[in-house]
């Protein structure tokens, strides 16, 4: 007997939604993180623009945000995402422009910590 796994329903954001855009730097890398927010205040999508457009790092950031957004829309909680992504260590890393997050171990670590500060209880 095979048990079918339920397929989670996708919770898409409305065509017009609130968002927060946050400018940051890690080392000499500048970025803009935009978070699309559901009507209940929960994040539903992420966009990240890095200053070195067209670079490998920019492409990887876009791919990460697309996958992260789909995960949120299919039921991954912000807290679970923070647990999985916080502390990931790779370049660029170092001092940031955000006094609430003075050091980041990577862009992914920075995003997780930003979400933790602003979207978890």
PDB file of N, CA and C in Angstrom:
ATOM      1  N   UNK A   1       0.842  -1.169   0.000  1.00  0.00           N
ATOM      2  CA  UNK A   1       0.000   0.000   0.000  1.00  0.00           C
ATOM      3  C   UNK A   1       0.891   1.237   0.000  1.00  0.00           C
ATOM      4  N   UNK A   2       0.640   2.120  -0.912  1.00  0.00           N
ATOM      5  CA  UNK A   2       1.409   3.342  -1.032  1.00  0.00           C
ATOM      6  C   UNK A   2       0.606   4.508  -0.460  1.00  0.00           C
ATOM      7  N   UNK A   3       1.256   5.275   0.399  1.00  0.00           N
ATOM      8  CA  UNK A   3       0.604   6.458   0.949  1.00  0.00           C
ATOM      9  C   UNK A   3       1.021   7.674   0.142  1.00  0.00           C
ATOM     10  N   UNK A   4       0.054   8.360  -0.404  1.00  0.00           N
ATOM     11  CA  UNK A   4       0.339   9.555  -1.192  1.00  0.00           C
ATOM     12  C   UNK A   4       0.607  10.725  -0.248  1.00  0.00           C
ATOM     13  N   UNK A   5       1.655  11.463  -0.556  1.00  0.00           N
ATOM     14  CA  UNK A   5       1.972  12.653   0.226  1.00  0.00           C
ATOM     15  C   UNK A   5       1.077  13.800  -0.237  1.00  0.00           C
ATOM     16  N   UNK A   6       0.513  14.556   0.696  1.00  0.00           N
ATOM     17  CA  UNK A   6      -0.306  15.690   0.282  1.00  0.00           C
ATOM     18  C   UNK A   6       0.560  16.756  -0.394  1.00  0.00           C
ATOM     19  N   UNK A   7       0.015  17.379  -1.398  1.00  0.00           N
ATOM     20  CA  UNK A   7       0.717  18.449  -2.101  1.00  0.00           C
ATOM     21  C   UNK A   7       0.300  19.768  -1.458  1.00  0.00           C
ATOM     22  N   UNK A   8       1.265  20.502  -0.902  1.00  0.00           N
ATOM     23  CA  UNK A   8       0.892  21.757  -0.264  1.00  0.00           C
ATOM     24  C   UNK A   8       0.379  22.767  -1.290  1.00  0.00           C
ATOM     25  N   UNK A   9      -0.609  23.528  -0.891  1.00  0.00           N
ATOM     26  CA  UNK A   9      -1.154  24.560  -1.766  1.00  0.00           C
ATOM     27  C   UNK A   9      -0.236  25.770  -1.742  1.00  0.00           C
ATOM     28  N   UNK A  10      -0.070  26.371  -2.887  1.00  0.00           N
ATOM     29  CA  UNK A  10       0.776  27.562  -2.987  1.00  0.00           C
ATOM     30  C   UNK A  10      -0.022  28.787  -2.553  1.00  0.00           C
ATOM     31  N   UNK A  11       0.558  29.560  -1.664  1.00  0.00           N
ATOM     32  CA  UNK A  11      -0.045  30.801  -1.197  1.00  0.00           C
ATOM     33  C   UNK A  11       0.644  31.961  -1.896  1.00  0.00           C
ATOM     34  N   UNK A  12       0.076  32.378  -3.020  1.00  0.00           N
ATOM     35  CA  UNK A  12       0.662  33.468  -3.797  1.00  0.00           C
ATOM     36  C   UNK A  12       0.274  34.814  -3.208  1.00  0.00           C
ATOM     37  N   UNK A  13       1.108  35.783  -3.452  1.00  0.00           N
ATOM     38  CA  UNK A  13       0.803  37.147  -3.019  1.00  0.00           C
ATOM     39  C   UNK A  13      -0.160  37.789  -4.012  1.00  0.00           C
ATOM     40  N   UNK A  14      -0.963  38.747  -3.545  1.00  0.00           N
ATOM     41  CA  UNK A  14      -1.843  39.450  -4.482  1.00  0.00           C
ATOM     42  C   UNK A  14      -1.012  40.286  -5.462  1.00  0.00           C
ATOM     43  N   UNK A  15      -1.633  40.699  -6.562  1.00  0.00           N
ATOM     44  CA  UNK A  15      -0.932  41.476  -7.589  1.00  0.00           C
ATOM     45  C   UNK A  15      -0.356  42.774  -7.025  1.00  0.00           C
ATOM     46  N   UNK A  16      -1.071  43.392  -6.096  1.00  0.00           N
ATOM     47  CA  UNK A  16      -0.573  44.576  -5.409  1.00  0.00           C
ATOM     48  C   UNK A  16      -0.376  44.198  -3.958  1.00  0.00           C
ATOM     49  N   UNK A  17       0.876  44.367  -3.478  1.00  0.00           N
ATOM     50  CA  UNK A  17       1.190  43.952  -2.107  1.00  0.00           C
ATOM     51  C   UNK A  17       2.157  44.936  -1.474  1.00  0.00           C
ATOM     52  N   UNK A  18       2.177  44.902  -0.143  1.00  0.00           N
ATOM     53  CA  UNK A  18       3.151  45.702   0.604  1.00  0.00           C
ATOM     54  C   UNK A  18       4.523  45.065   0.446  1.00  0.00           C
ATOM     55  N   UNK A  19       5.555  45.872   0.600  1.00  0.00           N
ATOM     56  CA  UNK A  19       6.909  45.329   0.581  1.00  0.00           C
ATOM     57  C   UNK A  19       7.829  46.237   1.395  1.00  0.00           C
ATOM     58  N   UNK A  20       8.955  45.680   1.748  1.00  0.00           N
ATOM     59  CA  UNK A  20      10.010  46.403   2.441  1.00  0.00           C
ATOM     60  C   UNK A  20      11.253  46.246   1.592  1.00  0.00           C
ATOM     61  N   UNK A  21      11.958  47.343   1.330  1.00  0.00           N
ATOM     62  CA  UNK A  21      13.234  47.266   0.636  1.00  0.00           C
ATOM     63  C   UNK A  21      14.310  47.755   1.585  1.00  0.00           C
ATOM     64  N   UNK A  22      15.363  46.964   1.714  1.00  0.00           N
ATOM     65  CA  UNK A  22      16.439  47.229   2.661  1.00  0.00           C
ATOM     66  C   UNK A  22      17.771  47.253   1.921  1.00  0.00           C
ATOM     67  N   UNK A  23      18.489  48.375   2.024  1.00  0.00           N
ATOM     68  CA  UNK A  23      19.817  48.502   1.426  1.00  0.00           C
ATOM     69  C   UNK A  23      20.848  48.047   2.448  1.00  0.00           C
ATOM     70  N   UNK A  24      21.854  47.280   1.997  1.00  0.00           N
ATOM     71  CA  UNK A  24      22.894  46.807   2.900  1.00  0.00           C
ATOM     72  C   UNK A  24      24.210  46.653   2.155  1.00  0.00           C
ATOM     73  N   UNK A  25      25.275  46.556   2.913  1.00  0.00           N
ATOM     74  CA  UNK A  25      26.564  46.185   2.366  1.00  0.00           C
ATOM     75  C   UNK A  25      27.171  45.097   3.248  1.00  0.00           C
ATOM     76  N   UNK A  26      27.890  44.208   2.605  1.00  0.00           N
ATOM     77  CA  UNK A  26      28.717  43.215   3.287  1.00  0.00           C
ATOM     78  C   UNK A  26      30.077  43.341   2.634  1.00  0.00           C
ATOM     79  N   UNK A  27      31.061  43.793   3.418  1.00  0.00           N
ATOM     80  CA  UNK A  27      32.361  44.093   2.820  1.00  0.00           C
ATOM     81  C   UNK A  27      32.173  45.191   1.793  1.00  0.00           C
ATOM     82  N   UNK A  28      32.639  44.975   0.575  1.00  0.00           N
ATOM     83  CA  UNK A  28      32.448  45.985  -0.477  1.00  0.00           C
ATOM     84  C   UNK A  28      31.339  45.600  -1.453  1.00  0.00           C
ATOM     85  N   UNK A  29      30.456  44.687  -1.046  1.00  0.00           N
ATOM     86  CA  UNK A  29      29.326  44.265  -1.876  1.00  0.00           C
ATOM     87  C   UNK A  29      28.059  44.945  -1.384  1.00  0.00           C
ATOM     88  N   UNK A  30      27.426  45.699  -2.265  1.00  0.00           N
ATOM     89  CA  UNK A  30      26.191  46.408  -1.926  1.00  0.00           C
ATOM     90  C   UNK A  30      25.001  45.659  -2.498  1.00  0.00           C
ATOM     91  N   UNK A  31      23.925  45.598  -1.718  1.00  0.00           N
ATOM     92  CA  UNK A  31      22.733  44.919  -2.191  1.00  0.00           C
ATOM     93  C   UNK A  31      21.460  45.580  -1.707  1.00  0.00           C
ATOM     94  N   UNK A  32      20.362  45.227  -2.363  1.00  0.00           N
ATOM     95  CA  UNK A  32      19.029  45.673  -1.992  1.00  0.00           C
ATOM     96  C   UNK A  32      18.149  44.441  -1.843  1.00  0.00           C
ATOM     97  N   UNK A  33      17.646  44.224  -0.646  1.00  0.00           N
ATOM     98  CA  UNK A  33      16.753  43.113  -0.347  1.00  0.00           C
ATOM     99  C   UNK A  33      15.330  43.655  -0.321  1.00  0.00           C
ATOM    100  N   UNK A  34      14.454  43.108  -1.153  1.00  0.00           N
ATOM    101  CA  UNK A  34      13.041  43.489  -1.148  1.00  0.00           C
ATOM    102  C   UNK A  34      12.234  42.272  -0.724  1.00  0.00           C
ATOM    103  N   UNK A  35      11.359  42.482   0.256  1.00  0.00           N
ATOM    104  CA  UNK A  35      10.531  41.418   0.812  1.00  0.00           C
ATOM    105  C   UNK A  35       9.076  41.763   0.538  1.00  0.00           C
ATOM    106  N   UNK A  36       8.399  40.939  -0.267  1.00  0.00           N
ATOM    107  CA  UNK A  36       6.965  41.092  -0.502  1.00  0.00           C
ATOM    108  C   UNK A  36       6.216  40.491   0.673  1.00  0.00           C
ATOM    109  N   UNK A  37       5.213  41.211   1.164  1.00  0.00           N
ATOM    110  CA  UNK A  37       4.552  40.836   2.413  1.00  0.00           C
ATOM    111  C   UNK A  37       3.068  40.560   2.183  1.00  0.00           C
ATOM    112  N   UNK A  38       2.620  39.403   2.712  1.00  0.00           N
ATOM    113  CA  UNK A  38       1.193  39.065   2.689  1.00  0.00           C
ATOM    114  C   UNK A  38       0.410  40.039   3.564  1.00  0.00           C
ATOM    115  N   UNK A  39      -0.911  40.046   3.382  1.00  0.00           N
ATOM    116  CA  UNK A  39      -1.779  40.936   4.158  1.00  0.00           C
ATOM    117  C   UNK A  39      -1.689  40.680   5.663  1.00  0.00           C
ATOM    118  N   UNK A  40      -1.308  39.458   6.065  1.00  0.00           N
ATOM    119  CA  UNK A  40      -1.180  39.150   7.497  1.00  0.00           C
ATOM    120  C   UNK A  40       0.197  39.501   8.061  1.00  0.00           C
ATOM    121  N   UNK A  41       1.058  40.118   7.238  1.00  0.00           N
ATOM    122  CA  UNK A  41       2.376  40.549   7.703  1.00  0.00           C
ATOM    123  C   UNK A  41       3.490  39.543   7.499  1.00  0.00           C
ATOM    124  N   UNK A  42       3.165  38.357   6.977  1.00  0.00           N
ATOM    125  CA  UNK A  42       4.170  37.320   6.745  1.00  0.00           C
ATOM    126  C   UNK A  42       4.851  37.533   5.390  1.00  0.00           C
ATOM    127  N   UNK A  43       6.163  37.335   5.323  1.00  0.00           N
ATOM    128  CA  UNK A  43       6.856  37.442   4.034  1.00  0.00           C
ATOM    129  C   UNK A  43       6.392  36.343   3.077  1.00  0.00           C
ATOM    130  N   UNK A  44       6.296  36.694   1.802  1.00  0.00           N
ATOM    131  CA  UNK A  44       5.873  35.719   0.807  1.00  0.00           C
ATOM    132  C   UNK A  44       6.813  35.613  -0.369  1.00  0.00           C
ATOM    133  N   UNK A  45       7.746  36.563  -0.489  1.00  0.00           N
ATOM    134  CA  UNK A  45       8.722  36.497  -1.570  1.00  0.00           C
ATOM    135  C   UNK A  45       9.911  37.377  -1.235  1.00  0.00           C
ATOM    136  N   UNK A  46      11.042  37.025  -1.806  1.00  0.00           N
ATOM    137  CA  UNK A  46      12.271  37.801  -1.640  1.00  0.00           C
ATOM    138  C   UNK A  46      12.856  38.103  -3.007  1.00  0.00           C
ATOM    139  N   UNK A  47      13.397  39.302  -3.133  1.00  0.00           N
ATOM    140  CA  UNK A  47      14.167  39.694  -4.311  1.00  0.00           C
ATOM    141  C   UNK A  47      15.457  40.301  -3.804  1.00  0.00           C
ATOM    142  N   UNK A  48      16.542  40.020  -4.475  1.00  0.00           N
ATOM    143  CA  UNK A  48      17.834  40.546  -4.064  1.00  0.00           C
ATOM    144  C   UNK A  48      18.573  41.049  -5.286  1.00  0.00           C
ATOM    145  N   UNK A  49      18.956  42.307  -5.268  1.00  0.00           N
ATOM    146  CA  UNK A  49      19.749  42.895  -6.342  1.00  0.00           C
ATOM    147  C   UNK A  49      21.109  43.236  -5.768  1.00  0.00           C
ATOM    148  N   UNK A  50      22.133  42.662  -6.348  1.00  0.00           N
ATOM    149  CA  UNK A  50      23.496  42.953  -5.925  1.00  0.00           C
ATOM    150  C   UNK A  50      24.102  43.972  -6.886  1.00  0.00           C
ATOM    151  N   UNK A  51      25.048  44.762  -6.383  1.00  0.00           N
ATOM    152  CA  UNK A  51      25.617  45.855  -7.171  1.00  0.00           C
ATOM    153  C   UNK A  51      26.370  45.369  -8.406  1.00  0.00           C
ATOM    154  N   UNK A  52      26.907  44.180  -8.376  1.00  0.00           N
ATOM    155  CA  UNK A  52      27.648  43.652  -9.516  1.00  0.00           C
ATOM    156  C   UNK A  52      26.715  42.816 -10.382  1.00  0.00           C
ATOM    157  N   UNK A  53      25.803  43.501 -11.055  1.00  0.00           N
ATOM    158  CA  UNK A  53      24.783  42.840 -11.873  1.00  0.00           C
ATOM    159  C   UNK A  53      25.438  42.019 -12.974  1.00  0.00           C
ATOM    160  N   UNK A  54      24.900  40.831 -13.200  1.00  0.00           N
ATOM    161  CA  UNK A  54      25.443  39.955 -14.223  1.00  0.00           C
ATOM    162  C   UNK A  54      26.542  39.045 -13.708  1.00  0.00           C
ATOM    163  N   UNK A  55      26.969  39.280 -12.486  1.00  0.00           N
ATOM    164  CA  UNK A  55      28.029  38.450 -11.921  1.00  0.00           C
ATOM    165  C   UNK A  55      27.459  37.112 -11.456  1.00  0.00           C
ATOM    166  N   UNK A  56      28.355  36.180 -11.210  1.00  0.00           N
ATOM    167  CA  UNK A  56      27.947  34.873 -10.688  1.00  0.00           C
ATOM    168  C   UNK A  56      27.218  35.041  -9.368  1.00  0.00           C
ATOM    169  N   UNK A  57      27.734  35.900  -8.504  1.00  0.00           N
ATOM    170  CA  UNK A  57      27.098  36.096  -7.196  1.00  0.00           C
ATOM    171  C   UNK A  57      25.683  36.643  -7.355  1.00  0.00           C
ATOM    172  N   UNK A  58      25.482  37.540  -8.302  1.00  0.00           N
ATOM    173  CA  UNK A  58      24.149  38.088  -8.540  1.00  0.00           C
ATOM    174  C   UNK A  58      23.193  37.002  -9.025  1.00  0.00           C
ATOM    175  N   UNK A  59      23.656  36.168  -9.937  1.00  0.00           N
ATOM    176  CA  UNK A  59      22.821  35.077 -10.439  1.00  0.00           C
ATOM    177  C   UNK A  59      22.475  34.070  -9.364  1.00  0.00           C
ATOM    178  N   UNK A  60      23.434  33.705  -8.542  1.00  0.00           N
ATOM    179  CA  UNK A  60      23.175  32.767  -7.446  1.00  0.00           C
ATOM    180  C   UNK A  60      22.199  33.369  -6.435  1.00  0.00           C
ATOM    181  N   UNK A  61      22.326  34.661  -6.166  1.00  0.00           N
ATOM    182  CA  UNK A  61      21.401  35.317  -5.235  1.00  0.00           C
ATOM    183  C   UNK A  61      19.977  35.302  -5.783  1.00  0.00           C
ATOM    184  N   UNK A  62      19.831  35.549  -7.078  1.00  0.00           N
ATOM    185  CA  UNK A  62      18.501  35.509  -7.686  1.00  0.00           C
ATOM    186  C   UNK A  62      17.911  34.104  -7.618  1.00  0.00           C
ATOM    187  N   UNK A  63      18.734  33.100  -7.872  1.00  0.00           N
ATOM    188  CA  UNK A  63      18.255  31.711  -7.805  1.00  0.00           C
ATOM    189  C   UNK A  63      17.858  31.358  -6.376  1.00  0.00           C
ATOM    190  N   UNK A  64      18.665  31.739  -5.408  1.00  0.00           N
ATOM    191  CA  UNK A  64      18.358  31.484  -4.000  1.00  0.00           C
ATOM    192  C   UNK A  64      17.025  32.134  -3.618  1.00  0.00           C
ATOM    193  N   UNK A  65      16.841  33.394  -3.999  1.00  0.00           N
ATOM    194  CA  UNK A  65      15.611  34.097  -3.628  1.00  0.00           C
ATOM    195  C   UNK A  65      14.383  33.488  -4.293  1.00  0.00           C
ATOM    196  N   UNK A  66      14.514  33.035  -5.516  1.00  0.00           N
ATOM    197  CA  UNK A  66      13.385  32.397  -6.194  1.00  0.00           C
ATOM    198  C   UNK A  66      12.989  31.110  -5.454  1.00  0.00           C
ATOM    199  N   UNK A  67      13.983  30.300  -5.110  1.00  0.00           N
ATOM    200  CA  UNK A  67      13.713  29.054  -4.376  1.00  0.00           C
ATOM    201  C   UNK A  67      13.174  29.354  -2.976  1.00  0.00           C
ATOM    202  N   UNK A  68      13.728  30.348  -2.317  1.00  0.00           N
ATOM    203  CA  UNK A  68      13.284  30.737  -0.980  1.00  0.00           C
ATOM    204  C   UNK A  68      11.828  31.202  -1.036  1.00  0.00           C
ATOM    205  N   UNK A  69      11.497  32.025  -2.028  1.00  0.00           N
ATOM    206  CA  UNK A  69      10.135  32.530  -2.174  1.00  0.00           C
ATOM    207  C   UNK A  69       9.145  31.387  -2.390  1.00  0.00           C
ATOM    208  N   UNK A  70       9.473  30.464  -3.273  1.00  0.00           N
ATOM    209  CA  UNK A  70       8.591  29.316  -3.506  1.00  0.00           C
ATOM    210  C   UNK A  70       8.424  28.488  -2.237  1.00  0.00           C
ATOM    211  N   UNK A  71       9.492  28.335  -1.469  1.00  0.00           N
ATOM    212  CA  UNK A  71       9.415  27.595  -0.206  1.00  0.00           C
ATOM    213  C   UNK A  71       8.463  28.273   0.767  1.00  0.00           C
ATOM    214  N   UNK A  72       8.570  29.596   0.898  1.00  0.00           N
ATOM    215  CA  UNK A  72       7.653  30.333   1.778  1.00  0.00           C
ATOM    216  C   UNK A  72       6.205  30.181   1.307  1.00  0.00           C
ATOM    217  N   UNK A  73       6.006  30.267  -0.002  1.00  0.00           N
ATOM    218  CA  UNK A  73       4.656  30.184  -0.559  1.00  0.00           C
ATOM    219  C   UNK A  73       4.057  28.791  -0.421  1.00  0.00           C
ATOM    220  N   UNK A  74       4.901  27.784  -0.224  1.00  0.00           N
ATOM    221  CA  UNK A  74       4.417  26.415  -0.061  1.00  0.00           C
ATOM    222  C   UNK A  74       4.462  25.943   1.393  1.00  0.00           C
ATOM    223  N   UNK A  75       4.634  26.890   2.336  1.00  0.00           N
ATOM    224  CA  UNK A  75       4.464  26.538   3.736  1.00  0.00           C
ATOM    225  C   UNK A  75       5.681  26.553   4.635  1.00  0.00           C
ATOM    226  N   UNK A  76       6.887  26.807   4.113  1.00  0.00           N
ATOM    227  CA  UNK A  76       8.051  26.912   4.985  1.00  0.00           C
ATOM    228  C   UNK A  76       7.889  28.151   5.863  1.00  0.00           C
ATOM    229  N   UNK A  77       7.999  27.985   7.165  1.00  0.00           N
ATOM    230  CA  UNK A  77       7.879  29.139   8.057  1.00  0.00           C
ATOM    231  C   UNK A  77       9.177  29.943   8.039  1.00  0.00           C
ATOM    232  N   UNK A  78       9.052  31.221   8.354  1.00  0.00           N
ATOM    233  CA  UNK A  78      10.234  32.071   8.429  1.00  0.00           C
ATOM    234  C   UNK A  78      11.197  31.515   9.476  1.00  0.00           C
ATOM    235  N   UNK A  79      10.666  31.073  10.605  1.00  0.00           N
ATOM    236  CA  UNK A  79      11.524  30.525  11.663  1.00  0.00           C
ATOM    237  C   UNK A  79      12.299  29.305  11.180  1.00  0.00           C
ATOM    238  N   UNK A  80      11.644  28.398  10.468  1.00  0.00           N
ATOM    239  CA  UNK A  80      12.339  27.226   9.928  1.00  0.00           C
ATOM    240  C   UNK A  80      13.410  27.640   8.914  1.00  0.00           C
ATOM    241  N   UNK A  81      13.104  28.634   8.100  1.00  0.00           N
ATOM    242  CA  UNK A  81      14.082  29.124   7.130  1.00  0.00           C
ATOM    243  C   UNK A  81      15.295  29.715   7.847  1.00  0.00           C
ATOM    244  N   UNK A  82      15.052  30.483   8.885  1.00  0.00           N
ATOM    245  CA  UNK A  82      16.145  31.090   9.649  1.00  0.00           C
ATOM    246  C   UNK A  82      17.058  30.005  10.208  1.00  0.00           C
ATOM    247  N   UNK A  83      16.463  28.974  10.781  1.00  0.00           N
ATOM    248  CA  UNK A  83      17.256  27.874  11.359  1.00  0.00           C
ATOM    249  C   UNK A  83      18.145  27.240  10.290  1.00  0.00           C
ATOM    250  N   UNK A  84      17.631  27.076   9.088  1.00  0.00           N
ATOM    251  CA  UNK A  84      18.379  26.395   8.039  1.00  0.00           C
ATOM    252  C   UNK A  84      19.442  27.258   7.377  1.00  0.00           C
ATOM    253  N   UNK A  85      19.232  28.577   7.299  1.00  0.00           N
ATOM    254  CA  UNK A  85      20.136  29.444   6.544  1.00  0.00           C
ATOM    255  C   UNK A  85      21.062  30.298   7.407  1.00  0.00           C
ATOM    256  N   UNK A  86      20.691  30.555   8.634  1.00  0.00           N
ATOM    257  CA  UNK A  86      21.522  31.376   9.520  1.00  0.00           C
ATOM    258  C   UNK A  86      22.825  30.630   9.807  1.00  0.00           C
ATOM    259  N   UNK A  87      23.933  31.335   9.689  1.00  0.00           N
ATOM    260  CA  UNK A  87      25.223  30.743   9.991  1.00  0.00           C
ATOM    261  C   UNK A  87      25.936  30.143   8.793  1.00  0.00           C
ATOM    262  N   UNK A  88      25.303  30.132   7.613  1.00  0.00           N
ATOM    263  CA  UNK A  88      26.005  29.633   6.422  1.00  0.00           C
ATOM    264  C   UNK A  88      27.195  30.558   6.150  1.00  0.00           C
ATOM    265  N   UNK A  89      28.336  29.950   5.876  1.00  0.00           N
ATOM    266  CA  UNK A  89      29.574  30.728   5.792  1.00  0.00           C
ATOM    267  C   UNK A  89      30.229  30.573   4.418  1.00  0.00           C
ATOM    268  N   UNK A  90      30.307  31.694   3.673  1.00  0.00           N
ATOM    269  CA  UNK A  90      31.038  31.753   2.409  1.00  0.00           C
ATOM    270  C   UNK A  90      31.144  33.218   1.998  1.00  0.00           C
ATOM    271  N   UNK A  91      32.026  33.503   1.077  1.00  0.00           N
ATOM    272  CA  UNK A  91      32.252  34.879   0.599  1.00  0.00           C
ATOM    273  C   UNK A  91      31.071  35.365  -0.224  1.00  0.00           C
ATOM    274  N   UNK A  92      30.780  36.653  -0.180  1.00  0.00           N
ATOM    275  CA  UNK A  92      31.394  37.675   0.666  1.00  0.00           C
ATOM    276  C   UNK A  92      30.894  37.565   2.106  1.00  0.00           C
ATOM    277  N   UNK A  93      31.780  37.903   3.021  1.00  0.00           N
ATOM    278  CA  UNK A  93      31.455  37.918   4.441  1.00  0.00           C
ATOM    279  C   UNK A  93      32.176  39.095   5.071  1.00  0.00           C
ATOM    280  N   UNK A  94      31.778  39.415   6.295  1.00  0.00           N
ATOM    281  CA  UNK A  94      32.480  40.482   7.009  1.00  0.00           C
ATOM    282  C   UNK A  94      31.543  41.528   7.553  1.00  0.00           C
ATOM    283  N   UNK A  95      32.106  42.706   7.760  1.00  0.00           N
ATOM    284  CA  UNK A  95      31.369  43.828   8.346  1.00  0.00           C
ATOM    285  C   UNK A  95      30.231  44.246   7.423  1.00  0.00           C
ATOM    286  N   UNK A  96      29.112  44.653   8.043  1.00  0.00           N
ATOM    287  CA  UNK A  96      27.953  45.118   7.280  1.00  0.00           C
ATOM    288  C   UNK A  96      27.661  46.573   7.616  1.00  0.00           C
ATOM    289  N   UNK A  97      26.750  47.154   6.868  1.00  0.00           N
ATOM    290  CA  UNK A  97      26.309  48.531   7.111  1.00  0.00           C
ATOM    291  C   UNK A  97      25.169  48.588   8.122  1.00  0.00           C
ATOM    292  N   UNK A  98      24.740  47.456   8.653  1.00  0.00           N
ATOM    293  CA  UNK A  98      23.582  47.380   9.548  1.00  0.00           C
ATOM    294  C   UNK A  98      24.058  47.212  10.991  1.00  0.00           C
ATOM    295  N   UNK A  99      23.811  48.204  11.857  1.00  0.00           N
ATOM    296  CA  UNK A  99      24.262  48.072  13.245  1.00  0.00           C
ATOM    297  C   UNK A  99      23.591  46.928  14.003  1.00  0.00           C
ATOM    298  N   UNK A 100      22.423  46.479  13.549  1.00  0.00           N
ATOM    299  CA  UNK A 100      21.750  45.342  14.185  1.00  0.00           C
ATOM    300  C   UNK A 100      22.372  44.005  13.787  1.00  0.00           C
ATOM    301  N   UNK A 101      23.098  43.999  12.674  1.00  0.00           N
ATOM    302  CA  UNK A 101      23.799  42.803  12.189  1.00  0.00           C
ATOM    303  C   UNK A 101      25.210  43.262  11.792  1.00  0.00           C
ATOM    304  N   UNK A 102      26.083  43.500  12.752  1.00  0.00           N
ATOM    305  CA  UNK A 102      27.383  44.104  12.441  1.00  0.00           C
ATOM    306  C   UNK A 102      28.306  43.234  11.594  1.00  0.00           C
ATOM    307  N   UNK A 103      28.182  41.929  11.697  1.00  0.00           N
ATOM    308  CA  UNK A 103      29.006  40.995  10.918  1.00  0.00           C
ATOM    309  C   UNK A 103      28.095  39.941  10.298  1.00  0.00           C
ATOM    310  N   UNK A 104      28.402  39.552   9.055  1.00  0.00           N
ATOM    311  CA  UNK A 104      27.656  38.481   8.400  1.00  0.00           C
ATOM    312  C   UNK A 104      28.639  37.457   7.871  1.00  0.00           C
ATOM    313  N   UNK A 105      28.269  36.202   7.968  1.00  0.00           N
ATOM    314  CA  UNK A 105      29.112  35.113   7.480  1.00  0.00           C
ATOM    315  C   UNK A 105      28.903  34.842   5.995  1.00  0.00           C
ATOM    316  N   UNK A 106      27.840  35.431   5.410  1.00  0.00           N
ATOM    317  CA  UNK A 106      27.543  35.325   3.980  1.00  0.00           C
ATOM    318  C   UNK A 106      26.302  36.176   3.713  1.00  0.00           C
ATOM    319  N   UNK A 107      25.956  36.329   2.455  1.00  0.00           N
ATOM    320  CA  UNK A 107      24.715  37.033   2.105  1.00  0.00           C
ATOM    321  C   UNK A 107      23.516  36.238   2.620  1.00  0.00           C
ATOM    322  N   UNK A 108      23.558  34.923   2.506  1.00  0.00           N
ATOM    323  CA  UNK A 108      22.467  34.074   2.985  1.00  0.00           C
ATOM    324  C   UNK A 108      22.305  34.214   4.503  1.00  0.00           C
ATOM    325  N   UNK A 109      23.412  34.223   5.228  1.00  0.00           N
ATOM    326  CA  UNK A 109      23.378  34.437   6.675  1.00  0.00           C
ATOM    327  C   UNK A 109      22.755  35.794   6.990  1.00  0.00           C
ATOM    328  N   UNK A 110      23.149  36.823   6.251  1.00  0.00           N
ATOM    329  CA  UNK A 110      22.607  38.169   6.473  1.00  0.00           C
ATOM    330  C   UNK A 110      21.088  38.198   6.268  1.00  0.00           C
ATOM    331  N   UNK A 111      20.617  37.617   5.178  1.00  0.00           N
ATOM    332  CA  UNK A 111      19.176  37.597   4.893  1.00  0.00           C
ATOM    333  C   UNK A 111      18.425  36.864   5.993  1.00  0.00           C
ATOM    334  N   UNK A 112      18.936  35.714   6.417  1.00  0.00           N
ATOM    335  CA  UNK A 112      18.279  34.948   7.488  1.00  0.00           C
ATOM    336  C   UNK A 112      18.209  35.764   8.768  1.00  0.00           C
ATOM    337  N   UNK A 113      19.285  36.435   9.109  1.00  0.00           N
ATOM    338  CA  UNK A 113      19.306  37.227  10.342  1.00  0.00           C
ATOM    339  C   UNK A 113      18.404  38.452  10.238  1.00  0.00           C
ATOM    340  N   UNK A 114      18.321  39.066   9.043  1.00  0.00           N
ATOM    341  CA  UNK A 114      17.411  40.194   8.839  1.00  0.00           C
ATOM    342  C   UNK A 114      15.956  39.732   9.004  1.00  0.00           C
ATOM    343  N   UNK A 115      15.614  38.603   8.389  1.00  0.00           N
ATOM    344  CA  UNK A 115      14.266  38.058   8.532  1.00  0.00           C
ATOM    345  C   UNK A 115      13.965  37.711   9.997  1.00  0.00           C
ATOM    346  N   UNK A 116      14.945  37.154  10.686  1.00  0.00           N
ATOM    347  CA  UNK A 116      14.767  36.816  12.095  1.00  0.00           C
ATOM    348  C   UNK A 116      14.453  38.063  12.929  1.00  0.00           C
ATOM    349  N   UNK A 117      15.183  39.138  12.670  1.00  0.00           N
ATOM    350  CA  UNK A 117      14.970  40.389  13.422  1.00  0.00           C
ATOM    351  C   UNK A 117      13.596  41.015  13.170  1.00  0.00           C
ATOM    352  N   UNK A 118      13.124  40.914  11.923  1.00  0.00           N
ATOM    353  CA  UNK A 118      11.928  41.672  11.536  1.00  0.00           C
ATOM    354  C   UNK A 118      10.660  40.846  11.365  1.00  0.00           C
ATOM    355  N   UNK A 119      10.772  39.496  11.279  1.00  0.00           N
ATOM    356  CA  UNK A 119       9.589  38.705  10.971  1.00  0.00           C
ATOM    357  C   UNK A 119       9.390  37.486  11.869  1.00  0.00           C
ATOM    358  N   UNK A 120      10.126  37.377  12.949  1.00  0.00           N
ATOM    359  CA  UNK A 120       9.880  36.292  13.904  1.00  0.00           C
ATOM    360  C   UNK A 120       9.574  36.904  15.260  1.00  0.00           C
ATOM    361  N   UNK A 121       8.852  36.143  16.095  1.00  0.00           N
ATOM    362  CA  UNK A 121       8.417  36.670  17.377  1.00  0.00           C
ATOM    363  C   UNK A 121       9.261  36.323  18.501  1.00  0.00           C
TER     364      UNK A 121
END
